[in-house]
Amino acid sequence: MKRIASESIKLAQRIPASKAIEFVQNAKKYNDRIYLYHKTQAISCKSLSAVVALMMMLKRDDELLLIAEGKEAKDTIQHLRSFLMNQAPLKVKETAVT
């Protein structure tokens, strides 16, 4: 059965490029499809150039939607959310769907 989980994240501050690189490395550990959505832009969390470019464009109080699709979707979202929360103070609003 396909599982989908998502979380809306409001940035309290910008994420530096070095942390964006670590985020991609963590995302690549999962077999799930993982995406970040910001306004009208959707990117794969496993694409280094896309994630770094997006993180460089973001400002304080911008909102991201993190979505994972796969067998471990909920665990994937929780891990990546935890990683982001350890990099910058974030406000997280969970909107999981299975």
C-alpha atoms as a PDB file:
ATOM      1  CA  MET A   1       0.000   0.000   0.000  1.00  0.00           C
ATOM      2  CA  LYS A   2       1.260   3.459  -0.931  1.00  0.00           C
ATOM      3  CA  ARG A   3       1.610   5.819   2.007  1.00  0.00           C
ATOM      4  CA  ILE A   4       1.839   9.580   1.893  1.00  0.00           C
ATOM      5  CA  ALA A   5       2.834  11.864   4.758  1.00  0.00           C
ATOM      6  CA  SER A   6       3.285  15.619   4.786  1.00  0.00           C
ATOM      7  CA  GLU A   7       4.159  18.446   7.118  1.00  0.00           C
ATOM      8  CA  SER A   8       3.932  22.185   6.743  1.00  0.00           C
ATOM      9  CA  ILE A   9       6.992  23.978   8.121  1.00  0.00           C
ATOM     10  CA  LYS A  10       7.296  27.702   8.774  1.00  0.00           C
ATOM     11  CA  LEU A  11      10.903  28.867   8.837  1.00  0.00           C
ATOM     12  CA  ALA A  12      11.944  30.997  11.782  1.00  0.00           C
ATOM     13  CA  GLN A  13      15.225  31.772   9.991  1.00  0.00           C
ATOM     14  CA  ARG A  14      17.105  30.859   6.824  1.00  0.00           C
ATOM     15  CA  ILE A  15      18.825  27.495   6.361  1.00  0.00           C
ATOM     16  CA  PRO A  16      22.475  27.858   5.250  1.00  0.00           C
ATOM     17  CA  ALA A  17      23.748  26.071   2.133  1.00  0.00           C
ATOM     18  CA  SER A  18      25.910  23.698   4.190  1.00  0.00           C
ATOM     19  CA  LYS A  19      22.823  22.487   6.076  1.00  0.00           C
ATOM     20  CA  ALA A  20      20.870  22.177   2.814  1.00  0.00           C
ATOM     21  CA  ILE A  21      23.604  19.829   1.570  1.00  0.00           C
ATOM     22  CA  GLU A  22      23.298  17.731   4.741  1.00  0.00           C
ATOM     23  CA  PHE A  23      19.513  17.696   4.297  1.00  0.00           C
ATOM     24  CA  VAL A  24      19.897  16.192   0.786  1.00  0.00           C
ATOM     25  CA  GLN A  25      22.363  13.599   2.085  1.00  0.00           C
ATOM     26  CA  ASN A  26      19.812  12.574   4.714  1.00  0.00           C
ATOM     27  CA  ALA A  27      16.965  12.481   2.169  1.00  0.00           C
ATOM     28  CA  LYS A  28      18.977  10.168  -0.082  1.00  0.00           C
ATOM     29  CA  LYS A  29      19.067   7.558   2.698  1.00  0.00           C
ATOM     30  CA  TYR A  30      15.374   6.823   2.090  1.00  0.00           C
ATOM     31  CA  ASN A  31      13.737   4.876  -0.739  1.00  0.00           C
ATOM     32  CA  ASP A  32      10.646   7.092  -0.542  1.00  0.00           C
ATOM     33  CA  ARG A  33       9.922   9.907  -2.965  1.00  0.00           C
ATOM     34  CA  ILE A  34      10.432  13.131  -1.032  1.00  0.00           C
ATOM     35  CA  TYR A  35       9.449  16.608  -2.188  1.00  0.00           C
ATOM     36  CA  LEU A  36       9.584  20.171  -0.916  1.00  0.00           C
ATOM     37  CA  TYR A  37       6.909  22.610  -2.057  1.00  0.00           C
ATOM     38  CA  HIS A  38       7.223  26.373  -1.755  1.00  0.00           C
ATOM     39  CA  LYS A  39       4.477  28.500  -3.271  1.00  0.00           C
ATOM     40  CA  THR A  40       4.272  27.179  -6.870  1.00  0.00           C
ATOM     41  CA  GLN A  41       7.653  25.444  -6.896  1.00  0.00           C
ATOM     42  CA  ALA A  42       8.069  21.711  -6.239  1.00  0.00           C
ATOM     43  CA  ILE A  43      11.467  20.050  -5.998  1.00  0.00           C
ATOM     44  CA  SER A  44      12.873  16.640  -5.185  1.00  0.00           C
ATOM     45  CA  CYS A  45      14.635  16.563  -1.817  1.00  0.00           C
ATOM     46  CA  LYS A  46      17.234  14.295  -3.386  1.00  0.00           C
ATOM     47  CA  SER A  47      18.349  16.924  -5.907  1.00  0.00           C
ATOM     48  CA  LEU A  48      21.292  18.809  -4.440  1.00  0.00           C
ATOM     49  CA  SER A  49      21.168  21.757  -6.826  1.00  0.00           C
ATOM     50  CA  ALA A  50      17.399  22.183  -6.454  1.00  0.00           C
ATOM     51  CA  VAL A  51      17.427  22.045  -2.644  1.00  0.00           C
ATOM     52  CA  VAL A  52      20.376  24.437  -2.294  1.00  0.00           C
ATOM     53  CA  ALA A  53      18.803  26.885  -4.779  1.00  0.00           C
ATOM     54  CA  LEU A  54      15.468  26.766  -2.956  1.00  0.00           C
ATOM     55  CA  MET A  55      17.051  27.226   0.474  1.00  0.00           C
ATOM     56  CA  MET A  56      19.004  30.243  -0.792  1.00  0.00           C
ATOM     57  CA  MET A  57      15.750  31.871  -1.980  1.00  0.00           C
ATOM     58  CA  LEU A  58      13.822  31.331   1.253  1.00  0.00           C
ATOM     59  CA  LYS A  59      13.319  34.056   3.812  1.00  0.00           C
ATOM     60  CA  ARG A  60      12.275  34.114   7.415  1.00  0.00           C
ATOM     61  CA  ASP A  61       8.618  33.106   7.912  1.00  0.00           C
ATOM     62  CA  ASP A  62       8.430  31.357   4.520  1.00  0.00           C
ATOM     63  CA  GLU A  63       6.436  28.140   4.561  1.00  0.00           C
ATOM     64  CA  LEU A  64       7.474  24.816   3.073  1.00  0.00           C
ATOM     65  CA  LEU A  65       5.446  21.683   2.560  1.00  0.00           C
ATOM     66  CA  LEU A  66       7.480  18.498   3.001  1.00  0.00           C
ATOM     67  CA  ILE A  67       5.872  15.422   1.394  1.00  0.00           C
ATOM     68  CA  ALA A  68       7.033  11.805   1.343  1.00  0.00           C
ATOM     69  CA  GLU A  69       5.476   8.981  -0.648  1.00  0.00           C
ATOM     70  CA  GLY A  70       6.421   5.362   0.016  1.00  0.00           C
ATOM     71  CA  LYS A  71       6.417   2.539   2.536  1.00  0.00           C
ATOM     72  CA  GLU A  72       8.190   4.576   5.240  1.00  0.00           C
ATOM     73  CA  ALA A  73       6.651   7.973   4.453  1.00  0.00           C
ATOM     74  CA  LYS A  74       5.772   8.917   8.033  1.00  0.00           C
ATOM     75  CA  ASP A  75       9.207   7.927   9.392  1.00  0.00           C
ATOM     76  CA  THR A  76      10.913   9.770   6.539  1.00  0.00           C
ATOM     77  CA  ILE A  77       8.989  12.974   7.252  1.00  0.00           C
ATOM     78  CA  GLN A  78       9.683  12.729  10.987  1.00  0.00           C
ATOM     79  CA  HIS A  79      13.413  12.248  10.448  1.00  0.00           C
ATOM     80  CA  LEU A  80      13.765  15.097   7.948  1.00  0.00           C
ATOM     81  CA  ARG A  81      11.635  17.381  10.111  1.00  0.00           C
ATOM     82  CA  SER A  82      13.871  16.586  13.086  1.00  0.00           C
ATOM     83  CA  PHE A  83      16.941  17.347  11.004  1.00  0.00           C
ATOM     84  CA  LEU A  84      15.553  20.729   9.960  1.00  0.00           C
ATOM     85  CA  MET A  85      14.470  21.531  13.514  1.00  0.00           C
ATOM     86  CA  ASN A  86      18.022  20.938  14.747  1.00  0.00           C
ATOM     87  CA  GLN A  87      19.390  23.369  12.132  1.00  0.00           C
ATOM     88  CA  ALA A  88      17.136  26.329  12.800  1.00  0.00           C
ATOM     89  CA  PRO A  89      14.208  27.128  15.076  1.00  0.00           C
ATOM     90  CA  LEU A  90      11.158  26.102  13.061  1.00  0.00           C
ATOM     91  CA  LYS A  91       7.438  26.157  13.650  1.00  0.00           C
ATOM     92  CA  VAL A  92       5.996  22.827  12.500  1.00  0.00           C
ATOM     93  CA  LYS A  93       2.382  22.031  11.722  1.00  0.00           C
ATOM     94  CA  GLU A  94       1.711  18.341  11.029  1.00  0.00           C
ATOM     95  CA  THR A  95      -0.724  17.410   8.254  1.00  0.00           C
ATOM     96  CA  ALA A  96      -0.115  13.660   7.810  1.00  0.00           C
ATOM     97  CA  VAL A  97      -2.220  11.631   5.400  1.00  0.00           C
ATOM     98  CA  THR A  98      -2.120   7.835   4.984  1.00  0.00           C
END
